[in-house]
Amino acid sequence: MRAYFTEGEPIADPETLIRVVAEVGVDPVEARDVLQTDRFAEDVREDELLASQLGIQGVPFFVLDRRYGVSGAQPPEVLVQALERAWGEAVSLSA
């Protein structure tokens, strides 16, 4: 995020992305391998499907328990209310 939004780094460039993720502790060899394969493509498609099902059209967007979504920069009390609702339903389902 810092590299893109603050420093204007071209993170779509694979070499830039590899360098940036290495700075935060990701193995650069592993990062290069992931960028050159479809190893996580199925996971990404699943995330995209879930985003579509939740109606995600922008950021920020918070997903709670893979069942609820809160769109936009909300006041803390809205996020707390959503978290409490998701937690309450998760607890009642596990009982």
PDB file of N, CA and C in Angstrom:
ATOM      1  N   MET A   1       0.836  -1.186   0.000  1.00  0.00           N
ATOM      2  CA  MET A   1       0.000   0.000   0.000  1.00  0.00           C
ATOM      3  C   MET A   1       0.883   1.254   0.000  1.00  0.00           C
ATOM      4  N   ARG A   2       1.873   1.256   0.875  1.00  0.00           N
ATOM      5  CA  ARG A   2       2.762   2.411   0.949  1.00  0.00           C
ATOM      6  C   ARG A   2       3.467   2.625  -0.384  1.00  0.00           C
ATOM      7  N   ALA A   3       3.967   1.523  -0.950  1.00  0.00           N
ATOM      8  CA  ALA A   3       4.711   1.636  -2.205  1.00  0.00           C
ATOM      9  C   ALA A   3       3.841   2.236  -3.307  1.00  0.00           C
ATOM     10  N   TYR A   4       2.597   1.820  -3.375  1.00  0.00           N
ATOM     11  CA  TYR A   4       1.719   2.291  -4.437  1.00  0.00           C
ATOM     12  C   TYR A   4       1.165   3.680  -4.158  1.00  0.00           C
ATOM     13  N   PHE A   5       0.537   3.838  -2.979  1.00  0.00           N
ATOM     14  CA  PHE A   5      -0.173   5.087  -2.701  1.00  0.00           C
ATOM     15  C   PHE A   5       0.725   6.235  -2.254  1.00  0.00           C
ATOM     16  N   THR A   6       1.817   5.920  -1.576  1.00  0.00           N
ATOM     17  CA  THR A   6       2.677   6.988  -1.059  1.00  0.00           C
ATOM     18  C   THR A   6       3.866   7.267  -1.971  1.00  0.00           C
ATOM     19  N   GLU A   7       4.500   6.182  -2.439  1.00  0.00           N
ATOM     20  CA  GLU A   7       5.718   6.353  -3.220  1.00  0.00           C
ATOM     21  C   GLU A   7       5.498   6.255  -4.728  1.00  0.00           C
ATOM     22  N   GLY A   8       4.276   5.928  -5.143  1.00  0.00           N
ATOM     23  CA  GLY A   8       3.970   5.864  -6.570  1.00  0.00           C
ATOM     24  C   GLY A   8       4.675   4.749  -7.313  1.00  0.00           C
ATOM     25  N   GLU A   9       4.999   3.672  -6.606  1.00  0.00           N
ATOM     26  CA  GLU A   9       5.689   2.539  -7.227  1.00  0.00           C
ATOM     27  C   GLU A   9       4.756   1.835  -8.216  1.00  0.00           C
ATOM     28  N   PRO A  10       5.277   1.373  -9.332  1.00  0.00           N
ATOM     29  CA  PRO A  10       4.458   0.639 -10.310  1.00  0.00           C
ATOM     30  C   PRO A  10       4.331  -0.835  -9.910  1.00  0.00           C
ATOM     31  N   ILE A  11       3.440  -1.129  -8.985  1.00  0.00           N
ATOM     32  CA  ILE A  11       3.360  -2.492  -8.449  1.00  0.00           C
ATOM     33  C   ILE A  11       2.816  -3.507  -9.456  1.00  0.00           C
ATOM     34  N   ALA A  12       2.345  -3.074 -10.607  1.00  0.00           N
ATOM     35  CA  ALA A  12       1.965  -4.011 -11.663  1.00  0.00           C
ATOM     36  C   ALA A  12       3.207  -4.581 -12.356  1.00  0.00           C
ATOM     37  N   ASP A  13       4.348  -3.936 -12.150  1.00  0.00           N
ATOM     38  CA  ASP A  13       5.613  -4.430 -12.690  1.00  0.00           C
ATOM     39  C   ASP A  13       6.122  -5.548 -11.783  1.00  0.00           C
ATOM     40  N   PRO A  14       6.298  -6.760 -12.314  1.00  0.00           N
ATOM     41  CA  PRO A  14       6.694  -7.886 -11.459  1.00  0.00           C
ATOM     42  C   PRO A  14       7.968  -7.645 -10.658  1.00  0.00           C
ATOM     43  N   GLU A  15       8.978  -7.047 -11.250  1.00  0.00           N
ATOM     44  CA  GLU A  15      10.229  -6.828 -10.514  1.00  0.00           C
ATOM     45  C   GLU A  15      10.034  -5.857  -9.351  1.00  0.00           C
ATOM     46  N   THR A  16       9.238  -4.827  -9.571  1.00  0.00           N
ATOM     47  CA  THR A  16       8.935  -3.890  -8.487  1.00  0.00           C
ATOM     48  C   THR A  16       8.172  -4.596  -7.383  1.00  0.00           C
ATOM     49  N   LEU A  17       7.172  -5.370  -7.758  1.00  0.00           N
ATOM     50  CA  LEU A  17       6.367  -6.078  -6.769  1.00  0.00           C
ATOM     51  C   LEU A  17       7.214  -7.053  -5.963  1.00  0.00           C
ATOM     52  N   ILE A  18       8.080  -7.787  -6.620  1.00  0.00           N
ATOM     53  CA  ILE A  18       8.955  -8.731  -5.917  1.00  0.00           C
ATOM     54  C   ILE A  18       9.846  -7.991  -4.927  1.00  0.00           C
ATOM     55  N   ARG A  19      10.408  -6.869  -5.344  1.00  0.00           N
ATOM     56  CA  ARG A  19      11.262  -6.092  -4.441  1.00  0.00           C
ATOM     57  C   ARG A  19      10.480  -5.587  -3.235  1.00  0.00           C
ATOM     58  N   VAL A  20       9.286  -5.079  -3.482  1.00  0.00           N
ATOM     59  CA  VAL A  20       8.473  -4.516  -2.401  1.00  0.00           C
ATOM     60  C   VAL A  20       8.048  -5.595  -1.408  1.00  0.00           C
ATOM     61  N   VAL A  21       7.593  -6.743  -1.907  1.00  0.00           N
ATOM     62  CA  VAL A  21       7.161  -7.784  -0.968  1.00  0.00           C
ATOM     63  C   VAL A  21       8.344  -8.373  -0.217  1.00  0.00           C
ATOM     64  N   ALA A  22       9.522  -8.400  -0.835  1.00  0.00           N
ATOM     65  CA  ALA A  22      10.714  -8.864  -0.132  1.00  0.00           C
ATOM     66  C   ALA A  22      11.038  -7.946   1.046  1.00  0.00           C
ATOM     67  N   GLU A  23      10.752  -6.655   0.886  1.00  0.00           N
ATOM     68  CA  GLU A  23      11.004  -5.691   1.967  1.00  0.00           C
ATOM     69  C   GLU A  23      10.155  -5.965   3.207  1.00  0.00           C
ATOM     70  N   VAL A  24       9.031  -6.644   3.028  1.00  0.00           N
ATOM     71  CA  VAL A  24       8.165  -6.947   4.172  1.00  0.00           C
ATOM     72  C   VAL A  24       8.266  -8.410   4.595  1.00  0.00           C
ATOM     73  N   GLY A  25       9.277  -9.122   4.069  1.00  0.00           N
ATOM     74  CA  GLY A  25       9.553 -10.463   4.560  1.00  0.00           C
ATOM     75  C   GLY A  25       9.107 -11.623   3.688  1.00  0.00           C
ATOM     76  N   VAL A  26       8.541 -11.353   2.524  1.00  0.00           N
ATOM     77  CA  VAL A  26       8.154 -12.447   1.625  1.00  0.00           C
ATOM     78  C   VAL A  26       9.396 -12.900   0.867  1.00  0.00           C
ATOM     79  N   ASP A  27       9.585 -14.203   0.789  1.00  0.00           N
ATOM     80  CA  ASP A  27      10.721 -14.766   0.062  1.00  0.00           C
ATOM     81  C   ASP A  27      10.619 -14.361  -1.412  1.00  0.00           C
ATOM     82  N   PRO A  28      11.603 -13.646  -1.942  1.00  0.00           N
ATOM     83  CA  PRO A  28      11.514 -13.182  -3.331  1.00  0.00           C
ATOM     84  C   PRO A  28      11.458 -14.316  -4.354  1.00  0.00           C
ATOM     85  N   VAL A  29      12.104 -15.445  -4.071  1.00  0.00           N
ATOM     86  CA  VAL A  29      12.041 -16.587  -4.987  1.00  0.00           C
ATOM     87  C   VAL A  29      10.617 -17.128  -5.024  1.00  0.00           C
ATOM     88  N   GLU A  30       9.995 -17.247  -3.850  1.00  0.00           N
ATOM     89  CA  GLU A  30       8.607 -17.700  -3.761  1.00  0.00           C
ATOM     90  C   GLU A  30       7.675 -16.707  -4.461  1.00  0.00           C
ATOM     91  N   ALA A  31       7.894 -15.421  -4.244  1.00  0.00           N
ATOM     92  CA  ALA A  31       7.056 -14.399  -4.878  1.00  0.00           C
ATOM     93  C   ALA A  31       7.151 -14.490  -6.395  1.00  0.00           C
ATOM     94  N   ARG A  32       8.358 -14.653  -6.912  1.00  0.00           N
ATOM     95  CA  ARG A  32       8.544 -14.760  -8.365  1.00  0.00           C
ATOM     96  C   ARG A  32       7.819 -16.000  -8.895  1.00  0.00           C
ATOM     97  N   ASP A  33       7.927 -17.110  -8.160  1.00  0.00           N
ATOM     98  CA  ASP A  33       7.265 -18.341  -8.575  1.00  0.00           C
ATOM     99  C   ASP A  33       5.746 -18.157  -8.634  1.00  0.00           C
ATOM    100  N   VAL A  34       5.192 -17.514  -7.626  1.00  0.00           N
ATOM    101  CA  VAL A  34       3.741 -17.289  -7.586  1.00  0.00           C
ATOM    102  C   VAL A  34       3.304 -16.417  -8.759  1.00  0.00           C
ATOM    103  N   LEU A  35       4.081 -15.387  -9.065  1.00  0.00           N
ATOM    104  CA  LEU A  35       3.721 -14.497 -10.171  1.00  0.00           C
ATOM    105  C   LEU A  35       3.802 -15.186 -11.533  1.00  0.00           C
ATOM    106  N   GLN A  36       4.621 -16.222 -11.628  1.00  0.00           N
ATOM    107  CA  GLN A  36       4.817 -16.893 -12.916  1.00  0.00           C
ATOM    108  C   GLN A  36       3.933 -18.127 -13.091  1.00  0.00           C
ATOM    109  N   THR A  37       3.112 -18.442 -12.102  1.00  0.00           N
ATOM    110  CA  THR A  37       2.257 -19.626 -12.193  1.00  0.00           C
ATOM    111  C   THR A  37       0.804 -19.255 -11.881  1.00  0.00           C
ATOM    112  N   ASP A  38      -0.059 -20.215 -12.009  1.00  0.00           N
ATOM    113  CA  ASP A  38      -1.470 -20.052 -11.652  1.00  0.00           C
ATOM    114  C   ASP A  38      -1.777 -20.744 -10.320  1.00  0.00           C
ATOM    115  N   ARG A  39      -0.764 -20.893  -9.493  1.00  0.00           N
ATOM    116  CA  ARG A  39      -0.908 -21.676  -8.262  1.00  0.00           C
ATOM    117  C   ARG A  39      -2.059 -21.214  -7.386  1.00  0.00           C
ATOM    118  N   PHE A  40      -2.316 -19.927  -7.309  1.00  0.00           N
ATOM    119  CA  PHE A  40      -3.385 -19.415  -6.454  1.00  0.00           C
ATOM    120  C   PHE A  40      -4.571 -18.885  -7.256  1.00  0.00           C
ATOM    121  N   ALA A  41      -4.623 -19.183  -8.539  1.00  0.00           N
ATOM    122  CA  ALA A  41      -5.687 -18.657  -9.397  1.00  0.00           C
ATOM    123  C   ALA A  41      -7.068 -19.090  -8.906  1.00  0.00           C
ATOM    124  N   GLU A  42      -7.214 -20.342  -8.513  1.00  0.00           N
ATOM    125  CA  GLU A  42      -8.516 -20.820  -8.041  1.00  0.00           C
ATOM    126  C   GLU A  42      -8.946 -20.083  -6.773  1.00  0.00           C
ATOM    127  N   ASP A  43      -8.010 -19.845  -5.867  1.00  0.00           N
ATOM    128  CA  ASP A  43      -8.321 -19.088  -4.642  1.00  0.00           C
ATOM    129  C   ASP A  43      -8.771 -17.669  -4.967  1.00  0.00           C
ATOM    130  N   VAL A  44      -8.106 -17.046  -5.919  1.00  0.00           N
ATOM    131  CA  VAL A  44      -8.469 -15.680  -6.322  1.00  0.00           C
ATOM    132  C   VAL A  44      -9.861 -15.658  -6.937  1.00  0.00           C
ATOM    133  N   ARG A  45     -10.161 -16.629  -7.811  1.00  0.00           N
ATOM    134  CA  ARG A  45     -11.503 -16.699  -8.409  1.00  0.00           C
ATOM    135  C   ARG A  45     -12.571 -16.882  -7.335  1.00  0.00           C
ATOM    136  N   GLU A  46     -12.299 -17.691  -6.313  1.00  0.00           N
ATOM    137  CA  GLU A  46     -13.249 -17.873  -5.205  1.00  0.00           C
ATOM    138  C   GLU A  46     -13.461 -16.560  -4.456  1.00  0.00           C
ATOM    139  N   ASP A  47     -12.383 -15.826  -4.201  1.00  0.00           N
ATOM    140  CA  ASP A  47     -12.499 -14.525  -3.533  1.00  0.00           C
ATOM    141  C   ASP A  47     -13.307 -13.547  -4.387  1.00  0.00           C
ATOM    142  N   GLU A  48     -13.077 -13.558  -5.699  1.00  0.00           N
ATOM    143  CA  GLU A  48     -13.830 -12.674  -6.586  1.00  0.00           C
ATOM    144  C   GLU A  48     -15.315 -13.025  -6.583  1.00  0.00           C
ATOM    145  N   LEU A  49     -15.627 -14.317  -6.561  1.00  0.00           N
ATOM    146  CA  LEU A  49     -17.022 -14.751  -6.514  1.00  0.00           C
ATOM    147  C   LEU A  49     -17.675 -14.308  -5.209  1.00  0.00           C
ATOM    148  N   LEU A  50     -16.978 -14.503  -4.099  1.00  0.00           N
ATOM    149  CA  LEU A  50     -17.511 -14.067  -2.811  1.00  0.00           C
ATOM    150  C   LEU A  50     -17.725 -12.558  -2.805  1.00  0.00           C
ATOM    151  N   ALA A  51     -16.773 -11.806  -3.331  1.00  0.00           N
ATOM    152  CA  ALA A  51     -16.911 -10.350  -3.392  1.00  0.00           C
ATOM    153  C   ALA A  51     -18.145  -9.967  -4.196  1.00  0.00           C
ATOM    154  N   SER A  52     -18.360 -10.643  -5.302  1.00  0.00           N
ATOM    155  CA  SER A  52     -19.527 -10.371  -6.124  1.00  0.00           C
ATOM    156  C   SER A  52     -20.814 -10.699  -5.374  1.00  0.00           C
ATOM    157  N   GLN A  53     -20.841 -11.822  -4.688  1.00  0.00           N
ATOM    158  CA  GLN A  53     -22.023 -12.236  -3.931  1.00  0.00           C
ATOM    159  C   GLN A  53     -22.337 -11.264  -2.794  1.00  0.00           C
ATOM    160  N   LEU A  54     -21.290 -10.670  -2.212  1.00  0.00           N
ATOM    161  CA  LEU A  54     -21.485  -9.713  -1.125  1.00  0.00           C
ATOM    162  C   LEU A  54     -21.764  -8.300  -1.638  1.00  0.00           C
ATOM    163  N   GLY A  55     -21.685  -8.120  -2.936  1.00  0.00           N
ATOM    164  CA  GLY A  55     -21.962  -6.811  -3.509  1.00  0.00           C
ATOM    165  C   GLY A  55     -20.813  -5.832  -3.395  1.00  0.00           C
ATOM    166  N   ILE A  56     -19.607  -6.337  -3.263  1.00  0.00           N
ATOM    167  CA  ILE A  56     -18.446  -5.464  -3.132  1.00  0.00           C
ATOM    168  C   ILE A  56     -18.202  -4.742  -4.457  1.00  0.00           C
ATOM    169  N   GLN A  57     -18.166  -3.427  -4.376  1.00  0.00           N
ATOM    170  CA  GLN A  57     -17.910  -2.617  -5.564  1.00  0.00           C
ATOM    171  C   GLN A  57     -16.808  -1.595  -5.336  1.00  0.00           C
ATOM    172  N   GLY A  58     -16.221  -1.588  -4.150  1.00  0.00           N
ATOM    173  CA  GLY A  58     -15.163  -0.636  -3.863  1.00  0.00           C
ATOM    174  C   GLY A  58     -14.471  -0.974  -2.562  1.00  0.00           C
ATOM    175  N   VAL A  59     -13.548  -0.131  -2.196  1.00  0.00           N
ATOM    176  CA  VAL A  59     -12.805  -0.306  -0.954  1.00  0.00           C
ATOM    177  C   VAL A  59     -12.902   0.962  -0.133  1.00  0.00           C
ATOM    178  N   PRO A  60     -12.817   0.898   1.167  1.00  0.00           N
ATOM    179  CA  PRO A  60     -12.670  -0.327   1.947  1.00  0.00           C
ATOM    180  C   PRO A  60     -13.978  -1.114   2.002  1.00  0.00           C
ATOM    181  N   PHE A  61     -13.835  -2.404   2.238  1.00  0.00           N
ATOM    182  CA  PHE A  61     -14.979  -3.292   2.413  1.00  0.00           C
ATOM    183  C   PHE A  61     -14.552  -4.363   3.396  1.00  0.00           C
ATOM    184  N   PHE A  62     -15.328  -4.536   4.444  1.00  0.00           N
ATOM    185  CA  PHE A  62     -14.989  -5.479   5.496  1.00  0.00           C
ATOM    186  C   PHE A  62     -15.897  -6.695   5.400  1.00  0.00           C
ATOM    187  N   VAL A  63     -15.315  -7.882   5.351  1.00  0.00           N
ATOM    188  CA  VAL A  63     -16.078  -9.126   5.291  1.00  0.00           C
ATOM    189  C   VAL A  63     -15.972  -9.801   6.654  1.00  0.00           C
ATOM    190  N   LEU A  64     -17.130 -10.127   7.220  1.00  0.00           N
ATOM    191  CA  LEU A  64     -17.180 -10.730   8.549  1.00  0.00           C
ATOM    192  C   LEU A  64     -17.756 -12.134   8.443  1.00  0.00           C
ATOM    193  N   ASP A  65     -16.984 -13.103   8.906  1.00  0.00           N
ATOM    194  CA  ASP A  65     -17.411 -14.496   8.935  1.00  0.00           C
ATOM    195  C   ASP A  65     -17.817 -14.997   7.550  1.00  0.00           C
ATOM    196  N   ARG A  66     -17.249 -14.432   6.521  1.00  0.00           N
ATOM    197  CA  ARG A  66     -17.542 -14.794   5.124  1.00  0.00           C
ATOM    198  C   ARG A  66     -19.039 -14.751   4.809  1.00  0.00           C
ATOM    199  N   ARG A  67     -19.812 -14.037   5.641  1.00  0.00           N
ATOM    200  CA  ARG A  67     -21.254 -13.973   5.451  1.00  0.00           C
ATOM    201  C   ARG A  67     -21.783 -12.549   5.412  1.00  0.00           C
ATOM    202  N   TYR A  68     -21.071 -11.625   6.002  1.00  0.00           N
ATOM    203  CA  TYR A  68     -21.548 -10.246   6.107  1.00  0.00           C
ATOM    204  C   TYR A  68     -20.525  -9.307   5.506  1.00  0.00           C
ATOM    205  N   GLY A  69     -21.027  -8.225   4.964  1.00  0.00           N
ATOM    206  CA  GLY A  69     -20.140  -7.221   4.423  1.00  0.00           C
ATOM    207  C   GLY A  69     -20.525  -5.838   4.901  1.00  0.00           C
ATOM    208  N   VAL A  70     -19.503  -5.038   5.192  1.00  0.00           N
ATOM    209  CA  VAL A  70     -19.703  -3.642   5.582  1.00  0.00           C
ATOM    210  C   VAL A  70     -18.915  -2.803   4.584  1.00  0.00           C
ATOM    211  N   SER A  71     -19.623  -1.951   3.867  1.00  0.00           N
ATOM    212  CA  SER A  71     -19.016  -1.170   2.804  1.00  0.00           C
ATOM    213  C   SER A  71     -18.624   0.219   3.283  1.00  0.00           C
ATOM    214  N   GLY A  72     -17.476   0.660   2.828  1.00  0.00           N
ATOM    215  CA  GLY A  72     -17.046   2.030   3.065  1.00  0.00           C
ATOM    216  C   GLY A  72     -16.378   2.246   4.402  1.00  0.00           C
ATOM    217  N   ALA A  73     -15.859   3.441   4.559  1.00  0.00           N
ATOM    218  CA  ALA A  73     -15.219   3.839   5.814  1.00  0.00           C
ATOM    219  C   ALA A  73     -16.333   4.196   6.795  1.00  0.00           C
ATOM    220  N   GLN A  74     -16.622   3.292   7.682  1.00  0.00           N
ATOM    221  CA  GLN A  74     -17.720   3.458   8.620  1.00  0.00           C
ATOM    222  C   GLN A  74     -17.208   3.931   9.970  1.00  0.00           C
ATOM    223  N   PRO A  75     -18.073   4.592  10.736  1.00  0.00           N
ATOM    224  CA  PRO A  75     -17.689   4.966  12.102  1.00  0.00           C
ATOM    225  C   PRO A  75     -17.449   3.698  12.934  1.00  0.00           C
ATOM    226  N   PRO A  76     -16.613   3.791  13.944  1.00  0.00           N
ATOM    227  CA  PRO A  76     -16.308   2.611  14.767  1.00  0.00           C
ATOM    228  C   PRO A  76     -17.550   1.906  15.304  1.00  0.00           C
ATOM    229  N   GLU A  77     -18.571   2.663  15.701  1.00  0.00           N
ATOM    230  CA  GLU A  77     -19.756   2.020  16.278  1.00  0.00           C
ATOM    231  C   GLU A  77     -20.483   1.137  15.261  1.00  0.00           C
ATOM    232  N   VAL A  78     -20.429   1.490  13.986  1.00  0.00           N
ATOM    233  CA  VAL A  78     -21.058   0.659  12.953  1.00  0.00           C
ATOM    234  C   VAL A  78     -20.289  -0.656  12.809  1.00  0.00           C
ATOM    235  N   LEU A  79     -18.968  -0.573  12.811  1.00  0.00           N
ATOM    236  CA  LEU A  79     -18.157  -1.788  12.714  1.00  0.00           C
ATOM    237  C   LEU A  79     -18.333  -2.664  13.952  1.00  0.00           C
ATOM    238  N   VAL A  80     -18.388  -2.057  15.123  1.00  0.00           N
ATOM    239  CA  VAL A  80     -18.601  -2.825  16.351  1.00  0.00           C
ATOM    240  C   VAL A  80     -19.949  -3.539  16.294  1.00  0.00           C
ATOM    241  N   GLN A  81     -20.981  -2.845  15.862  1.00  0.00           N
ATOM    242  CA  GLN A  81     -22.309  -3.443  15.756  1.00  0.00           C
ATOM    243  C   GLN A  81     -22.292  -4.632  14.787  1.00  0.00           C
ATOM    244  N   ALA A  82     -21.631  -4.482  13.663  1.00  0.00           N
ATOM    245  CA  ALA A  82     -21.552  -5.569  12.684  1.00  0.00           C
ATOM    246  C   ALA A  82     -20.773  -6.752  13.250  1.00  0.00           C
ATOM    247  N   LEU A  83     -19.665  -6.466  13.934  1.00  0.00           N
ATOM    248  CA  LEU A  83     -18.877  -7.537  14.553  1.00  0.00           C
ATOM    249  C   LEU A  83     -19.689  -8.275  15.615  1.00  0.00           C
ATOM    250  N   GLU A  84     -20.405  -7.527  16.441  1.00  0.00           N
ATOM    251  CA  GLU A  84     -21.216  -8.151  17.485  1.00  0.00           C
ATOM    252  C   GLU A  84     -22.317  -9.025  16.880  1.00  0.00           C
ATOM    253  N   ARG A  85     -22.927  -8.571  15.808  1.00  0.00           N
ATOM    254  CA  ARG A  85     -23.982  -9.357  15.156  1.00  0.00           C
ATOM    255  C   ARG A  85     -23.400 -10.648  14.582  1.00  0.00           C
ATOM    256  N   ALA A  86     -22.291 -10.535  13.863  1.00  0.00           N
ATOM    257  CA  ALA A  86     -21.665 -11.720  13.274  1.00  0.00           C
ATOM    258  C   ALA A  86     -21.224 -12.690  14.364  1.00  0.00           C
ATOM    259  N   TRP A  87     -20.642 -12.169  15.441  1.00  0.00           N
ATOM    260  CA  TRP A  87     -20.192 -13.020  16.552  1.00  0.00           C
ATOM    261  C   TRP A  87     -21.380 -13.710  17.210  1.00  0.00           C
ATOM    262  N   GLY A  88     -22.431 -12.955  17.465  1.00  0.00           N
ATOM    263  CA  GLY A  88     -23.616 -13.515  18.096  1.00  0.00           C
ATOM    264  C   GLY A  88     -24.232 -14.632  17.279  1.00  0.00           C
ATOM    265  N   GLU A  89     -24.306 -14.453  15.977  1.00  0.00           N
ATOM    266  CA  GLU A  89     -24.857 -15.499  15.120  1.00  0.00           C
ATOM    267  C   GLU A  89     -23.932 -16.696  15.023  1.00  0.00           C
ATOM    268  N   ALA A  90     -22.619 -16.462  15.018  1.00  0.00           N
ATOM    269  CA  ALA A  90     -21.665 -17.569  14.967  1.00  0.00           C
ATOM    270  C   ALA A  90     -21.756 -18.407  16.245  1.00  0.00           C
ATOM    271  N   VAL A  91     -21.896 -17.732  17.378  1.00  0.00           N
ATOM    272  CA  VAL A  91     -21.999 -18.442  18.663  1.00  0.00           C
ATOM    273  C   VAL A  91     -23.290 -19.248  18.719  1.00  0.00           C
ATOM    274  N   SER A  92     -24.393 -18.655  18.266  1.00  0.00           N
ATOM    275  CA  SER A  92     -25.666 -19.376  18.309  1.00  0.00           C
ATOM    276  C   SER A  92     -25.682 -20.559  17.346  1.00  0.00           C
ATOM    277  N   LEU A  93     -24.969 -20.463  16.241  1.00  0.00           N
ATOM    278  CA  LEU A  93     -24.916 -21.581  15.295  1.00  0.00           C
ATOM    279  C   LEU A  93     -24.076 -22.736  15.823  1.00  0.00           C
ATOM    280  N   SER A  94     -23.062 -22.414  16.640  1.00  0.00           N
ATOM    281  CA  SER A  94     -22.182 -23.463  17.157  1.00  0.00           C
ATOM    282  C   SER A  94     -22.740 -24.107  18.422  1.00  0.00           C
ATOM    283  N   ALA A  95     -23.786 -23.525  18.986  1.00  0.00           N
ATOM    284  CA  ALA A  95     -24.350 -24.083  20.233  1.00  0.00           C
ATOM    285  C   ALA A  95     -25.241 -25.267  19.969  1.00  0.00           C
TER     286      ALA A  95
END
